[in-house]
Amino acid sequence: MRTRFRPTALVLISSAMLLTACGSGVPKDVEQAIQVSGQGEVTVVPDQFRVGAISSRTGDDITAMKSDVDEEINAALNLAKKLKLKDRQITATGFTVQPEWQWQPEKKLIGHRVQRDISFTVQGVEDYAELLEGLSQIGFTQISNSTAELSDPSAARTEALQKAVADAKEKAQVLAKASGRKLGAAVLINQQGGASPMPRMVMQAAAEDSSYKQAQYAPGEITITEQVNIRFHLK
């Protein structure tokens, strides 16, 4: 006589096996692992600088104002040639004309503003300083805040990542030893992203020697930060 199992019996047997395997309440791989975070920092001196400048005039004679603005922009382009900047390092916009209003005691058109913007990317603090001095001598009074950065940050980011991994491993070894275990291989690594805030450029006062008239510029430093989360096996 052949015995037949009912579906309900199969469900009960499967459920019993599942409860036995998970009797501890925590999956085995989690019990045998530790997860830590690590951070790495690298401080570097920037080697690339971005500078923006605005040439503008206000008044009634748009043609004359445009001529003055174009003259300043052309002088700035000649300065860029002197510094041997390439075309890709210079951006000069077309001119814009906007109305100028008087709002008090009543709204009234008092003229127009003609404006052109130009921006530069230079390598090295020496060219950066010479560019600012040159723009000032040309007559630019609106020079936007400069930013400093790395022309190629890949090497610094790689070093910061290596430090972050080493930091995480050191923490994991301390925790493993404290719990009476040994640290195994890393089984999961997640990069949490990084940051590299732009330093503010600093213009130092000229030296006391009156013969030294050019300002000094300090490029500051950039701190590149990387973070990781790593899961290690425990032995």
Protein backbone atom coordinates (compact mmCIF):
# COMPACT_ATOMS: atom_id res chain seq x y z
CA MET A 1 0.00 0.00 0.00
CA ARG A 2 1.51 3.38 -1.11
CA THR A 3 1.52 6.22 1.41
CA ARG A 4 0.58 9.65 0.12
CA PHE A 5 1.65 12.90 1.79
CA ARG A 6 -0.82 15.67 1.96
CA PRO A 7 0.19 19.24 1.01
CA THR A 8 -0.48 20.40 4.56
CA ALA A 9 2.12 17.93 5.87
CA LEU A 10 4.76 19.32 3.46
CA VAL A 11 4.08 22.83 4.68
CA LEU A 12 4.51 21.78 8.31
CA ILE A 13 7.79 19.98 7.62
CA SER A 14 9.20 22.97 5.64
CA SER A 15 8.20 25.37 8.38
CA ALA A 16 9.92 23.25 11.01
CA MET A 17 13.18 23.19 9.01
CA LEU A 18 13.09 26.96 8.57
CA LEU A 19 12.59 27.56 12.28
CA THR A 20 15.50 25.24 13.11
CA ALA A 21 17.85 27.04 10.69
CA CYS A 22 16.90 30.46 12.09
CA GLY A 23 16.67 29.46 15.70
CA SER A 24 19.22 32.07 16.75
CA GLY A 25 17.07 34.87 15.32
CA VAL A 26 20.04 36.40 13.39
CA PRO A 27 21.42 35.23 10.02
CA LYS A 28 24.73 33.39 10.30
CA ASP A 29 26.67 35.77 8.07
CA VAL A 30 25.71 38.73 10.25
CA GLU A 31 26.81 36.91 13.41
CA GLN A 32 30.23 36.32 11.88
CA ALA A 33 30.85 39.83 10.56
CA ILE A 34 31.63 43.34 11.74
CA GLN A 35 30.88 46.59 9.91
CA VAL A 36 32.88 49.78 10.46
CA SER A 37 33.34 53.17 8.81
CA GLY A 38 36.61 54.85 7.94
CA GLN A 39 37.67 58.33 6.90
CA GLY A 40 40.75 59.56 5.09
CA GLU A 41 41.96 63.12 4.52
CA VAL A 42 44.63 64.58 2.25
CA THR A 43 45.63 68.24 2.34
CA VAL A 44 47.03 69.71 -0.87
CA VAL A 45 47.91 73.14 -2.27
CA PRO A 46 45.70 74.16 -5.22
CA ASP A 47 47.34 74.73 -8.58
CA GLN A 48 44.43 76.05 -10.66
CA PHE A 49 42.52 79.30 -10.19
CA ARG A 50 39.34 80.71 -11.72
CA VAL A 51 38.77 84.45 -11.91
CA GLY A 52 35.76 86.34 -13.24
CA ALA A 53 35.58 90.05 -14.09
CA ILE A 54 32.82 92.41 -15.22
CA SER A 55 33.18 95.50 -17.39
CA SER A 56 30.17 97.82 -17.26
CA ARG A 57 29.14 101.41 -17.92
CA THR A 58 25.95 103.32 -17.12
CA GLY A 59 24.56 106.34 -18.95
CA ASP A 60 22.54 107.38 -21.98
CA ASP A 61 24.95 106.88 -24.89
CA ILE A 62 24.83 103.14 -25.48
CA THR A 63 27.26 103.27 -28.41
CA ALA A 64 29.93 105.10 -26.41
CA MET A 65 29.43 102.85 -23.38
CA LYS A 66 29.76 99.74 -25.56
CA SER A 67 32.98 101.12 -27.01
CA ASP A 68 34.44 101.65 -23.53
CA VAL A 69 33.39 98.17 -22.39
CA ASP A 70 34.81 96.53 -25.51
CA GLU A 71 38.09 98.38 -24.97
CA GLU A 72 38.41 96.98 -21.44
CA ILE A 73 37.54 93.46 -22.55
CA ASN A 74 40.08 93.64 -25.40
CA ALA A 75 42.73 94.82 -22.95
CA ALA A 76 41.90 91.83 -20.74
CA LEU A 77 42.24 89.49 -23.74
CA ASN A 78 45.65 90.99 -24.51
CA LEU A 79 46.62 90.39 -20.89
CA ALA A 80 45.58 86.75 -21.32
CA LYS A 81 47.84 86.48 -24.38
CA LYS A 82 50.71 87.91 -22.34
CA LEU A 83 50.12 85.18 -19.77
CA LYS A 84 50.01 82.63 -22.63
CA LEU A 85 46.53 81.44 -21.77
CA LYS A 86 44.84 79.18 -24.29
CA ASP A 87 41.42 79.87 -25.79
CA ARG A 88 39.81 77.17 -23.65
CA GLN A 89 41.01 79.04 -20.55
CA ILE A 90 39.12 82.22 -21.47
CA THR A 91 35.38 82.90 -21.75
CA ALA A 92 34.14 86.32 -22.89
CA THR A 93 30.40 86.92 -23.23
CA GLY A 94 28.62 89.29 -25.58
CA PHE A 95 27.45 92.63 -24.26
CA THR A 96 24.08 93.14 -22.59
CA VAL A 97 22.03 96.32 -22.26
CA GLN A 98 19.68 96.76 -19.32
CA PRO A 99 17.57 99.75 -18.25
CA GLU A 100 18.51 101.62 -15.09
CA TRP A 101 15.57 102.75 -12.97
CA GLN A 102 15.13 105.28 -10.22
CA TRP A 103 12.56 103.92 -7.76
CA GLN A 104 12.13 106.82 -5.34
CA PRO A 105 10.18 109.03 -5.10
CA GLU A 106 8.70 107.44 -8.23
CA LYS A 107 9.73 104.93 -10.84
CA LYS A 108 11.72 106.67 -13.58
CA LEU A 109 14.07 105.50 -16.35
CA ILE A 110 17.42 107.24 -15.79
CA GLY A 111 19.63 105.47 -18.33
CA HIS A 112 21.03 102.10 -19.33
CA ARG A 113 23.79 99.73 -18.26
CA VAL A 114 26.05 98.08 -20.83
CA GLN A 115 27.95 95.06 -19.53
CA ARG A 116 30.28 92.27 -20.64
CA ASP A 117 31.64 89.42 -18.52
CA ILE A 118 34.96 87.64 -18.90
CA SER A 119 36.44 84.71 -16.98
CA PHE A 120 39.84 83.05 -16.85
CA THR A 121 41.36 79.78 -15.66
CA VAL A 122 45.06 80.04 -14.83
CA GLN A 123 47.67 77.57 -13.61
CA GLY A 124 49.89 78.55 -10.68
CA VAL A 125 49.66 81.29 -8.09
CA GLU A 126 52.17 83.48 -9.95
CA ASP A 127 49.93 83.78 -13.04
CA TYR A 128 46.94 84.21 -10.74
CA ALA A 129 48.57 87.17 -8.99
CA GLU A 130 49.70 88.72 -12.28
CA LEU A 131 46.20 88.35 -13.72
CA LEU A 132 44.57 90.15 -10.79
CA GLU A 133 47.14 92.93 -10.86
CA GLY A 134 46.71 93.32 -14.61
CA LEU A 135 42.91 93.47 -14.44
CA SER A 136 43.13 96.10 -11.73
CA GLN A 137 45.53 98.22 -13.79
CA ILE A 138 43.23 97.98 -16.83
CA GLY A 139 40.45 99.47 -14.74
CA PHE A 140 38.25 96.53 -13.75
CA THR A 141 36.53 97.26 -10.47
CA GLN A 142 34.20 94.24 -10.43
CA ILE A 143 36.30 91.10 -10.00
CA SER A 144 34.31 88.17 -8.71
CA ASN A 145 35.49 85.93 -5.88
CA SER A 146 38.23 83.64 -7.10
CA THR A 147 38.13 79.90 -6.59
CA ALA A 148 41.11 77.61 -6.15
CA GLU A 149 41.14 73.94 -7.12
CA LEU A 150 43.28 71.05 -8.30
CA SER A 151 43.73 70.65 -12.03
CA ASP A 152 43.86 66.85 -11.51
CA PRO A 153 42.45 65.71 -8.14
CA SER A 154 42.52 61.96 -8.95
CA ALA A 155 45.82 61.20 -7.18
CA ALA A 156 44.75 63.03 -4.01
CA ARG A 157 41.36 61.28 -3.99
CA THR A 158 43.03 57.90 -4.41
CA GLU A 159 45.31 58.61 -1.45
CA ALA A 160 42.36 59.76 0.66
CA LEU A 161 40.46 56.55 -0.20
CA GLN A 162 43.46 54.41 0.78
CA LYS A 163 43.64 56.22 4.11
CA ALA A 164 39.90 55.72 4.66
CA VAL A 165 40.20 51.95 4.06
CA ALA A 166 43.21 51.74 6.39
CA ASP A 167 41.29 53.67 9.06
CA ALA A 168 38.33 51.30 8.81
CA LYS A 169 40.56 48.22 9.00
CA GLU A 170 42.36 49.56 12.08
CA LYS A 171 39.04 50.15 13.85
CA ALA A 172 37.82 46.67 12.92
CA GLN A 173 41.01 45.04 14.24
CA VAL A 174 40.61 46.82 17.58
CA LEU A 175 36.98 45.72 17.90
CA ALA A 176 37.71 42.15 16.83
CA LYS A 177 40.57 41.81 19.34
CA ALA A 178 38.46 43.30 22.13
CA SER A 179 35.76 40.70 21.48
CA GLY A 180 38.18 37.79 21.40
CA ARG A 181 37.96 37.25 17.66
CA LYS A 182 40.28 37.57 14.68
CA LEU A 183 39.65 39.80 11.71
CA GLY A 184 39.00 38.11 8.39
CA ALA A 185 38.76 39.39 4.84
CA ALA A 186 36.65 42.35 3.78
CA VAL A 187 33.45 41.12 2.15
CA LEU A 188 31.72 44.42 1.36
CA ILE A 189 33.08 47.93 0.76
CA ASN A 190 30.91 50.98 0.14
CA GLN A 191 32.32 54.37 -0.73
CA GLN A 192 30.29 57.07 0.99
CA GLY A 193 31.48 59.96 -1.16
CA GLY A 194 33.94 62.72 -0.45
CA ALA A 195 34.35 66.46 -0.20
CA SER A 196 36.92 69.04 -1.26
CA PRO A 197 35.82 72.53 -0.13
CA MET A 198 37.28 75.45 -2.05
CA PRO A 199 39.69 77.58 -0.02
CA ARG A 200 39.24 81.31 0.06
CA MET A 201 42.05 83.15 -1.65
CA VAL A 202 43.97 85.44 0.66
CA MET A 203 45.56 88.73 -0.42
CA GLN A 204 48.32 89.69 1.98
CA ALA A 205 49.43 93.24 2.65
CA ALA A 206 52.49 94.47 0.82
CA ALA A 207 55.81 94.31 2.62
CA GLU A 208 56.95 97.29 4.66
CA ASP A 209 59.54 98.07 2.01
CA SER A 210 57.80 100.73 -0.04
CA SER A 211 59.65 99.60 -3.17
CA TYR A 212 57.61 96.40 -3.08
CA LYS A 213 54.22 97.48 -4.37
CA GLN A 214 52.72 94.24 -5.68
CA ALA A 215 50.37 92.43 -3.33
CA GLN A 216 51.14 88.89 -2.23
CA TYR A 217 48.62 86.10 -2.71
CA ALA A 218 48.38 82.92 -0.65
CA PRO A 219 46.57 80.07 -2.40
CA GLY A 220 45.55 78.34 0.82
CA GLU A 221 44.98 74.57 1.04
CA ILE A 222 42.35 72.08 -0.01
CA THR A 223 41.40 69.17 2.25
CA ILE A 224 40.02 66.22 0.29
CA THR A 225 37.98 63.81 2.39
CA GLU A 226 36.80 60.30 1.52
CA GLN A 227 34.60 57.96 3.59
CA VAL A 228 33.97 54.22 3.35
CA ASN A 229 31.90 51.56 5.09
CA ILE A 230 33.46 48.09 5.19
CA ARG A 231 32.14 44.73 6.41
CA PHE A 232 34.78 42.21 7.57
CA HIS A 233 34.39 38.53 8.36
CA LEU A 234 35.22 37.52 11.92
CA LYS A 235 37.13 34.30 12.61
